[in-house]
Amino acid sequence: MWREIVVEHPCQREKNWEVLVKVLDGCGLNDRYWIFTAAATNVEYAITVFDTVSEQEWTYDNSLGVASPAVTDIDAFACQP
């Protein structure tokens, strides 16, 4: 069982990383998958995380001109039995 991560945002240069997304298996601690994001940008973007097992989806947005906050979601997806 694995999760698919899709990051959609305009990228000016292919080697100019704007957003970092990290998914961790926290199933042993709180029976959830965790999602962390960080971005050093003020560009508009949307991060879509799609759980290919449960088919649930979460989207995190950042508006143009707004400094991107970090996301620390330790309750993102339930672990499957």
Protein backbone atom coordinates (compact mmCIF):
# COMPACT_ATOMS: atom_id res chain seq x y z
CA MET A 1 0.00 0.00 0.00
CA TRP A 2 1.43 3.36 -1.03
CA ARG A 3 0.19 6.87 -1.56
CA GLU A 4 0.48 8.94 -4.71
CA ILE A 5 1.52 12.58 -4.39
CA VAL A 6 0.80 15.16 -7.09
CA VAL A 7 2.11 18.71 -6.84
CA GLU A 8 0.67 21.21 -9.29
CA HIS A 9 2.06 24.72 -9.62
CA PRO A 10 3.66 26.86 -12.30
CA CYS A 11 7.41 26.33 -12.25
CA GLN A 12 9.59 28.96 -13.88
CA ARG A 13 12.63 26.68 -14.16
CA GLU A 14 12.76 22.89 -14.01
CA LYS A 15 15.61 22.90 -11.45
CA ASN A 16 14.05 25.58 -9.26
CA TRP A 17 12.37 23.59 -6.47
CA GLU A 18 9.52 25.60 -4.97
CA VAL A 19 7.80 23.02 -2.73
CA LEU A 20 8.87 20.04 -0.63
CA VAL A 21 6.30 17.36 0.24
CA LYS A 22 7.05 14.57 2.69
CA VAL A 23 4.70 11.69 3.54
CA LEU A 24 5.55 9.58 6.58
CA ASP A 25 4.13 6.33 7.87
CA GLY A 26 2.93 7.17 11.37
CA CYS A 27 0.76 4.04 11.58
CA GLY A 28 2.73 2.65 14.53
CA LEU A 29 2.17 5.82 16.56
CA ASN A 30 -1.32 7.13 15.80
CA ASP A 31 -2.66 4.84 13.03
CA ARG A 32 -2.33 7.66 10.48
CA TYR A 33 -0.11 8.73 7.57
CA TRP A 34 1.46 12.14 8.06
CA ILE A 35 1.98 14.88 5.47
CA PHE A 36 4.53 17.67 5.85
CA THR A 37 5.13 20.45 3.33
CA ALA A 38 7.56 23.33 3.18
CA ALA A 39 8.02 26.01 0.58
CA ALA A 40 10.27 29.03 0.31
CA THR A 41 8.04 30.88 -2.10
CA ASN A 42 5.14 33.25 -2.54
CA VAL A 43 3.89 31.74 -5.83
CA GLU A 44 0.42 30.30 -6.17
CA TYR A 45 0.28 26.51 -5.95
CA ALA A 46 -1.90 23.60 -4.94
CA ILE A 47 -0.65 20.34 -3.46
CA THR A 48 -2.95 17.39 -3.99
CA VAL A 49 -2.31 14.22 -2.04
CA PHE A 50 -4.34 11.26 -3.25
CA ASP A 51 -4.66 8.06 -1.25
CA THR A 52 -4.75 5.32 -3.88
CA VAL A 53 -6.12 2.81 -1.34
CA SER A 54 -9.07 4.72 0.16
CA GLU A 55 -9.38 7.10 -2.84
CA GLN A 56 -9.51 10.09 -0.50
CA GLU A 57 -7.90 13.38 -1.48
CA TRP A 58 -6.53 16.40 0.43
CA THR A 59 -5.53 19.68 -1.17
CA TYR A 60 -3.32 22.39 0.31
CA ASP A 61 -3.32 25.80 -1.42
CA ASN A 62 -1.15 28.88 -1.40
CA SER A 63 -2.28 32.17 -2.94
CA LEU A 64 -0.08 34.30 -5.18
CA GLY A 65 1.91 36.85 -3.19
CA VAL A 66 1.42 35.08 0.14
CA ALA A 67 4.43 33.57 1.94
CA SER A 68 3.80 29.84 2.04
CA PRO A 69 3.25 28.37 5.51
CA ALA A 70 4.54 24.97 6.54
CA VAL A 71 1.95 22.19 6.75
CA THR A 72 2.27 19.58 9.49
CA ASP A 73 -0.68 17.23 9.17
CA ILE A 74 -0.28 14.17 11.40
CA ASP A 75 -3.88 13.12 10.83
CA ALA A 76 -3.93 13.01 7.01
CA PHE A 77 -4.89 9.43 6.07
CA ALA A 78 -6.03 6.46 8.11
CA CYS A 79 -3.81 3.39 7.95
CA GLN A 80 -5.45 0.34 6.42
CA PRO A 81 -5.78 -2.86 8.46
